[in-house]
PDB file of N, CA and C in Angstrom:
ATOM      1  N   MET A   1      -7.172  39.059   0.257  1.00  0.00           N
ATOM      2  CA  MET A   1      -7.597  38.028  -0.889  1.00  0.00           C
ATOM      3  C   MET A   1      -6.787  37.967  -1.921  1.00  0.00           C
ATOM      4  N   PRO A   2      -6.510  36.870  -2.521  1.00  0.00           N
ATOM      5  CA  PRO A   2      -5.477  36.686  -3.630  1.00  0.00           C
ATOM      6  C   PRO A   2      -5.833  37.465  -4.520  1.00  0.00           C
ATOM      7  N   VAL A   3      -4.709  38.092  -5.168  1.00  0.00           N
ATOM      8  CA  VAL A   3      -4.702  38.380  -6.577  1.00  0.00           C
ATOM      9  C   VAL A   3      -4.599  38.084  -7.776  1.00  0.00           C
ATOM     10  N   GLU A   4      -4.012  36.462  -7.799  1.00  0.00           N
ATOM     11  CA  GLU A   4      -3.503  35.653  -8.902  1.00  0.00           C
ATOM     12  C   GLU A   4      -4.980  34.997  -9.331  1.00  0.00           C
ATOM     13  N   SER A   5      -4.884  34.739 -10.441  1.00  0.00           N
ATOM     14  CA  SER A   5      -6.124  34.191 -11.219  1.00  0.00           C
ATOM     15  C   SER A   5      -6.196  32.823 -11.436  1.00  0.00           C
ATOM     16  N   ALA A   6      -7.289  32.076 -11.614  1.00  0.00           N
ATOM     17  CA  ALA A   6      -7.279  30.837 -11.679  1.00  0.00           C
ATOM     18  C   ALA A   6      -6.315  29.983 -12.370  1.00  0.00           C
ATOM     19  N   SER A   7      -5.946  30.742 -13.594  1.00  0.00           N
ATOM     20  CA  SER A   7      -5.105  30.198 -14.743  1.00  0.00           C
ATOM     21  C   SER A   7      -3.628  30.281 -14.343  1.00  0.00           C
ATOM     22  N   ASP A   8      -3.671  31.701 -13.020  1.00  0.00           N
ATOM     23  CA  ASP A   8      -1.981  31.611 -12.923  1.00  0.00           C
ATOM     24  C   ASP A   8      -1.617  30.986 -11.764  1.00  0.00           C
ATOM     25  N   ARG A   9      -2.636  30.302 -10.950  1.00  0.00           N
ATOM     26  CA  ARG A   9      -2.402  29.209  -9.977  1.00  0.00           C
ATOM     27  C   ARG A   9      -2.160  27.933 -10.314  1.00  0.00           C
ATOM     28  N   ALA A  10      -3.067  27.876 -11.832  1.00  0.00           N
ATOM     29  CA  ALA A  10      -3.254  26.457 -12.627  1.00  0.00           C
ATOM     30  C   ALA A  10      -1.614  26.335 -13.215  1.00  0.00           C
ATOM     31  N   SER A  11      -0.718  27.168 -13.534  1.00  0.00           N
ATOM     32  CA  SER A  11       0.536  27.183 -14.196  1.00  0.00           C
ATOM     33  C   SER A  11       1.486  26.739 -13.104  1.00  0.00           C
ATOM     34  N   PHE A  12       1.210  27.279 -11.750  1.00  0.00           N
ATOM     35  CA  PHE A  12       2.118  26.842 -10.716  1.00  0.00           C
ATOM     36  C   PHE A  12       2.385  25.301 -10.779  1.00  0.00           C
ATOM     37  N   PHE A  13       1.338  24.688 -10.964  1.00  0.00           N
ATOM     38  CA  PHE A  13       1.472  23.060 -10.715  1.00  0.00           C
ATOM     39  C   PHE A  13       1.545  22.835 -12.142  1.00  0.00           C
ATOM     40  N   SER A  14       2.003  23.074 -13.313  1.00  0.00           N
ATOM     41  CA  SER A  14       2.461  22.920 -14.939  1.00  0.00           C
ATOM     42  C   SER A  14       3.870  22.100 -14.740  1.00  0.00           C
ATOM     43  N   SER A  15       3.954  20.743 -15.233  1.00  0.00           N
ATOM     44  CA  SER A  15       5.120  20.043 -15.151  1.00  0.00           C
ATOM     45  C   SER A  15       6.157  21.076 -15.969  1.00  0.00           C
ATOM     46  N   SER A  16       5.664  21.858 -17.063  1.00  0.00           N
ATOM     47  CA  SER A  16       6.733  22.252 -17.508  1.00  0.00           C
ATOM     48  C   SER A  16       7.101  23.960 -16.910  1.00  0.00           C
ATOM     49  N   GLU A  17       6.504  24.104 -15.747  1.00  0.00           N
ATOM     50  CA  GLU A  17       7.037  25.203 -15.098  1.00  0.00           C
ATOM     51  C   GLU A  17       7.566  24.850 -13.708  1.00  0.00           C
ATOM     52  N   PHE A  18       7.046  24.561 -12.685  1.00  0.00           N
ATOM     53  CA  PHE A  18       7.832  24.334 -11.423  1.00  0.00           C
ATOM     54  C   PHE A  18       7.437  22.881 -10.854  1.00  0.00           C
ATOM     55  N   ALA A  19       6.181  22.235 -11.246  1.00  0.00           N
ATOM     56  CA  ALA A  19       5.766  21.018 -10.229  1.00  0.00           C
ATOM     57  C   ALA A  19       6.681  19.557 -11.155  1.00  0.00           C
ATOM     58  N   GLU A  20       6.146  18.687 -10.231  1.00  0.00           N
ATOM     59  CA  GLU A  20       6.515  17.164 -10.573  1.00  0.00           C
ATOM     60  C   GLU A  20       5.894  16.408 -10.174  1.00  0.00           C
ATOM     61  N   LEU A  21       5.472  15.216 -10.587  1.00  0.00           N
ATOM     62  CA  LEU A  21       4.788  13.966 -10.288  1.00  0.00           C
ATOM     63  C   LEU A  21       5.126  12.932  -8.977  1.00  0.00           C
ATOM     64  N   ALA A  22       4.466  12.807  -7.830  1.00  0.00           N
ATOM     65  CA  ALA A  22       4.841  12.773  -6.536  1.00  0.00           C
ATOM     66  C   ALA A  22       3.636  11.806  -6.395  1.00  0.00           C
ATOM     67  N   LEU A  23       3.820  10.451  -5.518  1.00  0.00           N
ATOM     68  CA  LEU A  23       3.233   9.390  -5.263  1.00  0.00           C
ATOM     69  C   LEU A  23       2.704   9.702  -3.327  1.00  0.00           C
ATOM     70  N   PHE A  24       1.448  10.167  -3.212  1.00  0.00           N
ATOM     71  CA  PHE A  24       1.242  10.500  -2.158  1.00  0.00           C
ATOM     72  C   PHE A  24       0.281   9.464  -1.173  1.00  0.00           C
ATOM     73  N   THR A  25       0.403   8.968  -0.120  1.00  0.00           N
ATOM     74  CA  THR A  25       0.005   7.988   0.696  1.00  0.00           C
ATOM     75  C   THR A  25      -0.287   8.646   1.764  1.00  0.00           C
ATOM     76  N   PRO A  26      -1.621   8.640   2.434  1.00  0.00           N
ATOM     77  CA  PRO A  26      -2.151   9.484   3.780  1.00  0.00           C
ATOM     78  C   PRO A  26      -1.806   8.584   4.679  1.00  0.00           C
ATOM     79  N   ALA A  27      -1.803   9.320   5.883  1.00  0.00           N
ATOM     80  CA  ALA A  27      -1.238   8.890   7.119  1.00  0.00           C
ATOM     81  C   ALA A  27      -2.054   7.675   7.435  1.00  0.00           C
ATOM     82  N   GLY A  28      -1.379   6.501   7.513  1.00  0.00           N
ATOM     83  CA  GLY A  28      -2.077   5.066   8.109  1.00  0.00           C
ATOM     84  C   GLY A  28      -2.827   4.168   6.987  1.00  0.00           C
ATOM     85  N   GLY A  29      -2.282   4.591   5.723  1.00  0.00           N
ATOM     86  CA  GLY A  29      -2.537   4.395   4.494  1.00  0.00           C
ATOM     87  C   GLY A  29      -1.912   3.388   3.763  1.00  0.00           C
ATOM     88  N   GLY A  30      -2.425   2.452   2.801  1.00  0.00           N
ATOM     89  CA  GLY A  30      -1.599   1.335   2.135  1.00  0.00           C
ATOM     90  C   GLY A  30      -1.347   1.779   0.523  1.00  0.00           C
ATOM     91  N   SER A  31      -1.023   0.806   0.433  1.00  0.00           N
ATOM     92  CA  SER A  31      -0.616   1.014  -1.206  1.00  0.00           C
ATOM     93  C   SER A  31      -2.181   1.207  -2.043  1.00  0.00           C
ATOM     94  N   GLY A  32      -2.850   0.762  -1.366  1.00  0.00           N
ATOM     95  CA  GLY A  32      -4.305   1.160  -2.212  1.00  0.00           C
ATOM     96  C   GLY A  32      -4.791   2.563  -2.020  1.00  0.00           C
ATOM     97  N   ASP A  33      -4.076   3.044  -1.243  1.00  0.00           N
ATOM     98  CA  ASP A  33      -4.820   4.531  -0.678  1.00  0.00           C
ATOM     99  C   ASP A  33      -4.076   5.520  -1.423  1.00  0.00           C
ATOM    100  N   ALA A  34      -3.140   4.988  -2.319  1.00  0.00           N
ATOM    101  CA  ALA A  34      -1.735   6.048  -2.660  1.00  0.00           C
ATOM    102  C   ALA A  34      -2.444   6.792  -4.020  1.00  0.00           C
ATOM    103  N   VAL A  35      -1.916   7.812  -4.050  1.00  0.00           N
ATOM    104  CA  VAL A  35      -2.254   8.465  -5.697  1.00  0.00           C
ATOM    105  C   VAL A  35      -1.332   9.463  -6.122  1.00  0.00           C
ATOM    106  N   VAL A  36      -1.458   9.261  -7.461  1.00  0.00           N
ATOM    107  CA  VAL A  36      -0.059  10.109  -7.936  1.00  0.00           C
ATOM    108  C   VAL A  36      -0.903  11.589  -8.094  1.00  0.00           C
ATOM    109  N   CYS A  37      -0.023  12.696  -7.596  1.00  0.00           N
ATOM    110  CA  CYS A  37      -0.644  14.217  -7.720  1.00  0.00           C
ATOM    111  C   CYS A  37       0.572  15.011  -8.051  1.00  0.00           C
ATOM    112  N   THR A  38       0.430  16.204  -8.584  1.00  0.00           N
ATOM    113  CA  THR A  38       1.347  17.206  -8.811  1.00  0.00           C
ATOM    114  C   THR A  38       1.610  17.802  -7.575  1.00  0.00           C
ATOM    115  N   ILE A  39       3.073  18.067  -7.401  1.00  0.00           N
ATOM    116  CA  ILE A  39       3.320  19.054  -6.275  1.00  0.00           C
ATOM    117  C   ILE A  39       4.353  19.882  -6.932  1.00  0.00           C
ATOM    118  N   VAL A  40       4.773  20.840  -5.954  1.00  0.00           N
ATOM    119  CA  VAL A  40       5.782  21.981  -6.404  1.00  0.00           C
ATOM    120  C   VAL A  40       6.869  21.108  -4.869  1.00  0.00           C
ATOM    121  N   TYR A  41       7.964  20.935  -5.056  1.00  0.00           N
ATOM    122  CA  TYR A  41       9.001  20.323  -4.343  1.00  0.00           C
ATOM    123  C   TYR A  41      10.167  21.313  -4.407  1.00  0.00           C
ATOM    124  N   ASP A  42      10.604  21.578  -2.795  1.00  0.00           N
ATOM    125  CA  ASP A  42      11.727  22.394  -2.644  1.00  0.00           C
ATOM    126  C   ASP A  42      12.685  21.049  -1.772  1.00  0.00           C
ATOM    127  N   ARG A  43      13.600  21.312  -2.478  1.00  0.00           N
ATOM    128  CA  ARG A  43      14.330  19.946  -1.986  1.00  0.00           C
ATOM    129  C   ARG A  43      15.604  20.306  -0.700  1.00  0.00           C
ATOM    130  N   GLY A  44      15.665  22.064  -0.668  1.00  0.00           N
ATOM    131  CA  GLY A  44      16.255  22.753   0.480  1.00  0.00           C
ATOM    132  C   GLY A  44      17.596  22.194   0.543  1.00  0.00           C
ATOM    133  N   GLN A  45      17.976  22.624   1.886  1.00  0.00           N
ATOM    134  CA  GLN A  45      19.251  22.310   1.989  1.00  0.00           C
ATOM    135  C   GLN A  45      19.898  21.013   2.934  1.00  0.00           C
ATOM    136  N   GLY A  46      18.813  20.720   3.550  1.00  0.00           N
ATOM    137  CA  GLY A  46      18.827  19.494   4.431  1.00  0.00           C
ATOM    138  C   GLY A  46      19.436  19.643   5.563  1.00  0.00           C
ATOM    139  N   LYS A  47      19.491  20.942   5.991  1.00  0.00           N
ATOM    140  CA  LYS A  47      20.951  21.280   7.197  1.00  0.00           C
ATOM    141  C   LYS A  47      19.965  20.996   8.567  1.00  0.00           C
ATOM    142  N   ASN A  48      18.753  20.718   8.621  1.00  0.00           N
ATOM    143  CA  ASN A  48      18.377  20.366  10.219  1.00  0.00           C
ATOM    144  C   ASN A  48      18.340  19.169  10.533  1.00  0.00           C
ATOM    145  N   ARG A  49      18.924  18.409  10.002  1.00  0.00           N
ATOM    146  CA  ARG A  49      19.105  16.872  10.631  1.00  0.00           C
ATOM    147  C   ARG A  49      20.467  16.872  11.490  1.00  0.00           C
ATOM    148  N   MET A  50      20.283  16.493  12.738  1.00  0.00           N
ATOM    149  CA  MET A  50      21.798  16.206  13.315  1.00  0.00           C
ATOM    150  C   MET A  50      21.871  15.172  13.692  1.00  0.00           C
ATOM    151  N   ALA A  51      23.089  14.463  14.517  1.00  0.00           N
ATOM    152  CA  ALA A  51      22.943  13.636  15.434  1.00  0.00           C
ATOM    153  C   ALA A  51      23.981  13.650  16.528  1.00  0.00           C
ATOM    154  N   VAL A  52      23.833  13.056  17.653  1.00  0.00           N
ATOM    155  CA  VAL A  52      24.509  13.581  18.476  1.00  0.00           C
ATOM    156  C   VAL A  52      24.879  12.207  19.624  1.00  0.00           C
ATOM    157  N   GLY A  53      25.697  11.426  19.552  1.00  0.00           N
ATOM    158  CA  GLY A  53      25.862  10.094  20.247  1.00  0.00           C
ATOM    159  C   GLY A  53      25.049   9.074  19.629  1.00  0.00           C
ATOM    160  N   GLU A  54      23.891   8.743  20.493  1.00  0.00           N
ATOM    161  CA  GLU A  54      22.661   7.842  20.185  1.00  0.00           C
ATOM    162  C   GLU A  54      21.583   8.586  19.650  1.00  0.00           C
ATOM    163  N   ALA A  55      21.403   9.905  20.005  1.00  0.00           N
ATOM    164  CA  ALA A  55      20.265  10.475  20.036  1.00  0.00           C
ATOM    165  C   ALA A  55      20.180  11.280  18.732  1.00  0.00           C
ATOM    166  N   ALA A  56      19.237  11.524  18.123  1.00  0.00           N
ATOM    167  CA  ALA A  56      19.144  11.915  16.734  1.00  0.00           C
ATOM    168  C   ALA A  56      18.080  12.976  16.606  1.00  0.00           C
ATOM    169  N   ALA A  57      17.925  14.576  16.083  1.00  0.00           N
ATOM    170  CA  ALA A  57      16.971  15.328  16.200  1.00  0.00           C
ATOM    171  C   ALA A  57      16.683  15.416  14.927  1.00  0.00           C
ATOM    172  N   SER A  58      15.416  15.796  14.097  1.00  0.00           N
ATOM    173  CA  SER A  58      15.463  16.151  12.954  1.00  0.00           C
ATOM    174  C   SER A  58      14.119  17.277  12.781  1.00  0.00           C
ATOM    175  N   GLY A  59      14.374  18.242  12.075  1.00  0.00           N
ATOM    176  CA  GLY A  59      13.626  19.332  11.763  1.00  0.00           C
ATOM    177  C   GLY A  59      13.177  19.082  10.292  1.00  0.00           C
ATOM    178  N   ALA A  60      12.118  20.107   9.758  1.00  0.00           N
ATOM    179  CA  ALA A  60      12.025  20.009   8.583  1.00  0.00           C
ATOM    180  C   ALA A  60      13.203  20.022   7.598  1.00  0.00           C
ATOM    181  N   GLU A  61      13.298  18.878   6.705  1.00  0.00           N
ATOM    182  CA  GLU A  61      14.210  19.114   5.792  1.00  0.00           C
ATOM    183  C   GLU A  61      13.641  19.510   4.310  1.00  0.00           C
ATOM    184  N   ARG A  62      12.511  19.102   4.047  1.00  0.00           N
ATOM    185  CA  ARG A  62      12.186  19.583   2.749  1.00  0.00           C
ATOM    186  C   ARG A  62      10.745  20.408   2.827  1.00  0.00           C
ATOM    187  N   ALA A  63      10.670  21.056   1.600  1.00  0.00           N
ATOM    188  CA  ALA A  63       8.785  21.831   1.766  1.00  0.00           C
ATOM    189  C   ALA A  63       8.500  20.913   0.230  1.00  0.00           C
ATOM    190  N   VAL A  64       6.779  20.935   0.754  1.00  0.00           N
ATOM    191  CA  VAL A  64       6.009  20.645  -0.568  1.00  0.00           C
ATOM    192  C   VAL A  64       4.820  21.439  -0.541  1.00  0.00           C
ATOM    193  N   TRP A  65       4.414  21.795  -1.849  1.00  0.00           N
ATOM    194  CA  TRP A  65       2.878  22.138  -2.104  1.00  0.00           C
ATOM    195  C   TRP A  65       2.291  21.712  -2.853  1.00  0.00           C
ATOM    196  N   ILE A  66       1.196  21.004  -2.392  1.00  0.00           N
ATOM    197  CA  ILE A  66       0.316  19.963  -3.254  1.00  0.00           C
ATOM    198  C   ILE A  66      -0.683  20.600  -3.692  1.00  0.00           C
ATOM    199  N   ASN A  67      -1.353  20.002  -4.936  1.00  0.00           N
ATOM    200  CA  ASN A  67      -2.270  20.486  -5.642  1.00  0.00           C
ATOM    201  C   ASN A  67      -3.940  20.003  -4.766  1.00  0.00           C
ATOM    202  N   ALA A  68      -4.567  20.556  -3.929  1.00  0.00           N
ATOM    203  CA  ALA A  68      -5.859  20.328  -3.164  1.00  0.00           C
ATOM    204  C   ALA A  68      -6.470  20.069  -4.365  1.00  0.00           C
ATOM    205  N   ASP A  69      -6.840  19.958  -5.647  1.00  0.00           N
ATOM    206  CA  ASP A  69      -7.880  19.205  -6.708  1.00  0.00           C
ATOM    207  C   ASP A  69      -7.561  17.702  -6.705  1.00  0.00           C
ATOM    208  N   GLU A  70      -6.199  17.777  -6.373  1.00  0.00           N
ATOM    209  CA  GLU A  70      -5.556  16.025  -6.719  1.00  0.00           C
ATOM    210  C   GLU A  70      -5.709  15.325  -5.430  1.00  0.00           C
ATOM    211  N   VAL A  71      -5.290  15.962  -3.950  1.00  0.00           N
ATOM    212  CA  VAL A  71      -5.612  15.573  -2.809  1.00  0.00           C
ATOM    213  C   VAL A  71      -6.150  16.512  -1.622  1.00  0.00           C
ATOM    214  N   ALA A  72      -7.443  16.076  -1.369  1.00  0.00           N
ATOM    215  CA  ALA A  72      -8.234  16.736  -0.474  1.00  0.00           C
ATOM    216  C   ALA A  72      -7.775  17.127   0.893  1.00  0.00           C
ATOM    217  N   THR A  73      -7.089  16.125   1.609  1.00  0.00           N
ATOM    218  CA  THR A  73      -6.659  16.138   2.747  1.00  0.00           C
ATOM    219  C   THR A  73      -5.211  15.689   3.129  1.00  0.00           C
ATOM    220  N   VAL A  74      -4.491  16.676   3.428  1.00  0.00           N
ATOM    221  CA  VAL A  74      -3.038  16.225   3.953  1.00  0.00           C
ATOM    222  C   VAL A  74      -2.725  16.529   5.196  1.00  0.00           C
ATOM    223  N   GLY A  75      -2.140  15.278   5.745  1.00  0.00           N
ATOM    224  CA  GLY A  75      -2.199  15.298   7.537  1.00  0.00           C
ATOM    225  C   GLY A  75      -0.615  14.906   7.739  1.00  0.00           C
ATOM    226  N   ARG A  76      -0.390  14.971   8.922  1.00  0.00           N
ATOM    227  CA  ARG A  76       0.980  14.453   9.508  1.00  0.00           C
ATOM    228  C   ARG A  76       1.139  13.158   9.501  1.00  0.00           C
ATOM    229  N   GLY A  77       2.311  12.631   9.100  1.00  0.00           N
ATOM    230  CA  GLY A  77       2.527  11.383   8.802  1.00  0.00           C
ATOM    231  C   GLY A  77       2.327  10.827   7.247  1.00  0.00           C
ATOM    232  N   ALA A  78       1.601  11.601   6.849  1.00  0.00           N
ATOM    233  CA  ALA A  78       1.603  11.179   5.133  1.00  0.00           C
ATOM    234  C   ALA A  78       2.704  10.729   4.564  1.00  0.00           C
ATOM    235  N   ARG A  79       2.713  10.101   3.758  1.00  0.00           N
ATOM    236  CA  ARG A  79       3.984   9.505   2.905  1.00  0.00           C
ATOM    237  C   ARG A  79       4.202  10.352   1.475  1.00  0.00           C
ATOM    238  N   ILE A  80       5.035  10.750   0.981  1.00  0.00           N
ATOM    239  CA  ILE A  80       5.423  11.217  -0.336  1.00  0.00           C
ATOM    240  C   ILE A  80       6.769  11.098  -0.980  1.00  0.00           C
ATOM    241  N   VAL A  81       6.220  10.044  -2.341  1.00  0.00           N
ATOM    242  CA  VAL A  81       7.481   9.700  -2.986  1.00  0.00           C
ATOM    243  C   VAL A  81       7.470  10.343  -4.347  1.00  0.00           C
ATOM    244  N   VAL A  82       8.794  11.029  -4.383  1.00  0.00           N
ATOM    245  CA  VAL A  82       9.032  12.268  -5.609  1.00  0.00           C
ATOM    246  C   VAL A  82      10.489  11.963  -6.183  1.00  0.00           C
ATOM    247  N   PRO A  83      10.711  11.902  -7.074  1.00  0.00           N
ATOM    248  CA  PRO A  83       9.518  11.913  -8.378  1.00  0.00           C
ATOM    249  C   PRO A  83       8.993  10.592  -8.969  1.00  0.00           C
ATOM    250  N   VAL A  84       8.164  10.605  -9.287  1.00  0.00           N
ATOM    251  CA  VAL A  84       7.607   9.156 -10.109  1.00  0.00           C
ATOM    252  C   VAL A  84       7.255   9.590 -11.419  1.00  0.00           C
ATOM    253  N   ASP A  85       6.574   8.276 -12.127  1.00  0.00           N
ATOM    254  CA  ASP A  85       6.248   8.363 -13.310  1.00  0.00           C
ATOM    255  C   ASP A  85       4.577   8.335 -13.248  1.00  0.00           C
ATOM    256  N   GLU A  86       4.060   8.290 -14.121  1.00  0.00           N
ATOM    257  CA  GLU A  86       2.341   8.931 -14.376  1.00  0.00           C
ATOM    258  C   GLU A  86       1.688   7.318 -13.826  1.00  0.00           C
ATOM    259  N   ASP A  87       2.702   6.478 -13.281  1.00  0.00           N
ATOM    260  CA  ASP A  87       1.805   4.975 -12.816  1.00  0.00           C
ATOM    261  C   ASP A  87       2.171   4.964 -11.526  1.00  0.00           C
ATOM    262  N   GLY A  88       3.166   5.676 -10.731  1.00  0.00           N
ATOM    263  CA  GLY A  88       3.307   6.114  -9.810  1.00  0.00           C
ATOM    264  C   GLY A  88       4.600   5.464  -9.096  1.00  0.00           C
ATOM    265  N   ASP A  89       5.311   4.597 -10.215  1.00  0.00           N
ATOM    266  CA  ASP A  89       6.351   4.013 -10.105  1.00  0.00           C
ATOM    267  C   ASP A  89       7.636   4.952  -9.953  1.00  0.00           C
ATOM    268  N   PRO A  90       8.818   5.311  -8.868  1.00  0.00           N
ATOM    269  CA  PRO A  90       9.780   5.758  -8.317  1.00  0.00           C
ATOM    270  C   PRO A  90      10.900   5.920  -9.857  1.00  0.00           C
ATOM    271  N   LEU A  91      11.006   7.077  -9.950  1.00  0.00           N
ATOM    272  CA  LEU A  91      12.335   7.503 -10.652  1.00  0.00           C
ATOM    273  C   LEU A  91      13.245   7.240 -10.408  1.00  0.00           C
ATOM    274  N   PRO A  92      14.540   7.056 -11.403  1.00  0.00           N
ATOM    275  CA  PRO A  92      15.836   6.961 -10.657  1.00  0.00           C
ATOM    276  C   PRO A  92      16.223   8.479  -9.714  1.00  0.00           C
ATOM    277  N   GLY A  93      16.414   7.893  -8.294  1.00  0.00           N
ATOM    278  CA  GLY A  93      16.916   9.305  -7.321  1.00  0.00           C
ATOM    279  C   GLY A  93      15.689   9.774  -6.698  1.00  0.00           C
ATOM    280  N   ALA A  94      14.663   8.767  -6.542  1.00  0.00           N
ATOM    281  CA  ALA A  94      13.714   9.335  -5.902  1.00  0.00           C
ATOM    282  C   ALA A  94      13.743   9.515  -4.338  1.00  0.00           C
ATOM    283  N   GLU A  95      12.988  10.373  -3.587  1.00  0.00           N
ATOM    284  CA  GLU A  95      13.087  10.414  -2.273  1.00  0.00           C
ATOM    285  C   GLU A  95      11.978   9.927  -1.660  1.00  0.00           C
ATOM    286  N   THR A  96      11.586   9.486  -0.545  1.00  0.00           N
ATOM    287  CA  THR A  96      10.811   9.028   0.262  1.00  0.00           C
ATOM    288  C   THR A  96      10.653   9.927   1.468  1.00  0.00           C
ATOM    289  N   LEU A  97       9.694  10.832   1.618  1.00  0.00           N
ATOM    290  CA  LEU A  97       9.461  11.671   2.944  1.00  0.00           C
ATOM    291  C   LEU A  97       8.131  11.781   3.279  1.00  0.00           C
ATOM    292  N   ASP A  98       8.285  11.946   4.719  1.00  0.00           N
ATOM    293  CA  ASP A  98       6.955  11.944   5.728  1.00  0.00           C
ATOM    294  C   ASP A  98       6.877  13.200   6.175  1.00  0.00           C
ATOM    295  N   VAL A  99       5.310  13.641   6.112  1.00  0.00           N
ATOM    296  CA  VAL A  99       4.886  14.905   6.297  1.00  0.00           C
ATOM    297  C   VAL A  99       4.987  15.097   8.032  1.00  0.00           C
ATOM    298  N   ILE A 100       5.551  16.431   8.473  1.00  0.00           N
ATOM    299  CA  ILE A 100       5.608  16.658   9.758  1.00  0.00           C
ATOM    300  C   ILE A 100       4.853  17.848  10.067  1.00  0.00           C
ATOM    301  N   GLY A 101       4.533  18.306  11.083  1.00  0.00           N
ATOM    302  CA  GLY A 101       3.676  19.314  11.683  1.00  0.00           C
ATOM    303  C   GLY A 101       2.396  19.339  11.104  1.00  0.00           C
ATOM    304  N   GLU A 102       2.318  20.539  10.848  1.00  0.00           N
ATOM    305  CA  GLU A 102       0.178  20.493  10.639  1.00  0.00           C
ATOM    306  C   GLU A 102       0.435  21.437   9.144  1.00  0.00           C
ATOM    307  N   PRO A 103       0.127  20.445   8.000  1.00  0.00           N
ATOM    308  CA  PRO A 103      -0.113  20.901   7.038  1.00  0.00           C
ATOM    309  C   PRO A 103      -0.964  21.977   6.491  1.00  0.00           C
ATOM    310  N   LYS A 104      -0.741  22.883   5.705  1.00  0.00           N
ATOM    311  CA  LYS A 104      -1.889  24.578   5.912  1.00  0.00           C
ATOM    312  C   LYS A 104      -2.518  24.358   4.564  1.00  0.00           C
ATOM    313  N   LEU A 105      -3.897  24.511   4.429  1.00  0.00           N
ATOM    314  CA  LEU A 105      -4.596  24.843   2.938  1.00  0.00           C
ATOM    315  C   LEU A 105      -4.184  26.422   3.153  1.00  0.00           C
ATOM    316  N   ASP A 106      -4.048  26.744   1.755  1.00  0.00           N
ATOM    317  CA  ASP A 106      -4.145  28.230   1.470  1.00  0.00           C
ATOM    318  C   ASP A 106      -5.190  28.925   1.539  1.00  0.00           C
ATOM    319  N   GLU A 107      -5.278  30.269   1.640  1.00  0.00           N
ATOM    320  CA  GLU A 107      -6.643  30.588   1.974  1.00  0.00           C
ATOM    321  C   GLU A 107      -7.750  30.720   0.574  1.00  0.00           C
ATOM    322  N   THR A 108      -7.081  30.237  -0.909  1.00  0.00           N
ATOM    323  CA  THR A 108      -7.608  29.927  -1.772  1.00  0.00           C
ATOM    324  C   THR A 108      -8.249  28.555  -2.003  1.00  0.00           C
ATOM    325  N   GLY A 109      -7.888  27.919  -0.835  1.00  0.00           N
ATOM    326  CA  GLY A 109      -8.121  26.156  -0.947  1.00  0.00           C
ATOM    327  C   GLY A 109      -7.774  25.639  -2.154  1.00  0.00           C
ATOM    328  N   PHE A 110      -6.631  26.005  -2.693  1.00  0.00           N
ATOM    329  CA  PHE A 110      -6.001  25.775  -3.978  1.00  0.00           C
ATOM    330  C   PHE A 110      -5.018  24.706  -3.658  1.00  0.00           C
ATOM    331  N   MET A 111      -4.124  24.886  -2.555  1.00  0.00           N
ATOM    332  CA  MET A 111      -3.032  24.073  -2.301  1.00  0.00           C
ATOM    333  C   MET A 111      -2.591  23.939  -0.920  1.00  0.00           C
ATOM    334  N   TRP A 112      -2.204  22.680  -0.393  1.00  0.00           N
ATOM    335  CA  TRP A 112      -1.509  22.732   0.672  1.00  0.00           C
ATOM    336  C   TRP A 112      -0.246  22.548   0.996  1.00  0.00           C
ATOM    337  N   ALA A 113       0.482  23.490   2.009  1.00  0.00           N
ATOM    338  CA  ALA A 113       1.884  23.301   2.205  1.00  0.00           C
ATOM    339  C   ALA A 113       2.397  22.621   3.084  1.00  0.00           C
ATOM    340  N   ALA A 114       3.163  21.907   2.984  1.00  0.00           N
ATOM    341  CA  ALA A 114       3.618  20.845   4.221  1.00  0.00           C
ATOM    342  C   ALA A 114       5.399  20.975   4.316  1.00  0.00           C
ATOM    343  N   ASP A 115       5.588  20.723   5.724  1.00  0.00           N
ATOM    344  CA  ASP A 115       7.206  20.296   5.989  1.00  0.00           C
ATOM    345  C   ASP A 115       7.234  18.913   5.621  1.00  0.00           C
ATOM    346  N   LEU A 116       8.558  18.392   5.303  1.00  0.00           N
ATOM    347  CA  LEU A 116       9.000  17.114   5.065  1.00  0.00           C
ATOM    348  C   LEU A 116      10.149  16.788   6.013  1.00  0.00           C
ATOM    349  N   VAL A 117      10.272  15.382   6.034  1.00  0.00           N
ATOM    350  CA  VAL A 117      11.695  14.581   6.657  1.00  0.00           C
ATOM    351  C   VAL A 117      12.057  13.755   5.678  1.00  0.00           C
ATOM    352  N   LEU A 118      12.950  13.221   5.322  1.00  0.00           N
ATOM    353  CA  LEU A 118      13.524  11.994   4.486  1.00  0.00           C
ATOM    354  C   LEU A 118      13.328  10.953   5.456  1.00  0.00           C
ATOM    355  N   VAL A 119      12.615  10.084   4.953  1.00  0.00           N
ATOM    356  CA  VAL A 119      12.732   8.666   5.291  1.00  0.00           C
ATOM    357  C   VAL A 119      14.332   7.866   5.352  1.00  0.00           C
ATOM    358  N   ASP A 120      14.443   7.644   6.507  1.00  0.00           N
ATOM    359  CA  ASP A 120      15.721   6.902   6.161  1.00  0.00           C
ATOM    360  C   ASP A 120      15.746   5.141   5.923  1.00  0.00           C
TER     361      ASP A 120
END
């Protein structure tokens, strides 16, 4: 059973605390399906990408927590651009990432957790 209150969880997605805006596009969706949402983005160290000869392997390079009030479903293959402005336009240094694995909704139904890889 979670011990934090709704206001504790809400502060997690405050842009003055941990969160930033991102553009979320569901798997198989187009630009008309994209929504601006609030995320907490862990840029990580990017240590899991390697290339050997012509073969390349990639594991999770980043992690994200997405506000479930803004994005009802997160699935493998969804695309995230971060950071963006309120209109969804990428800011300087923005990264484009794809969701890999199976995103998980936390026990409170408050946020999605997902692993990401950079799009080349």
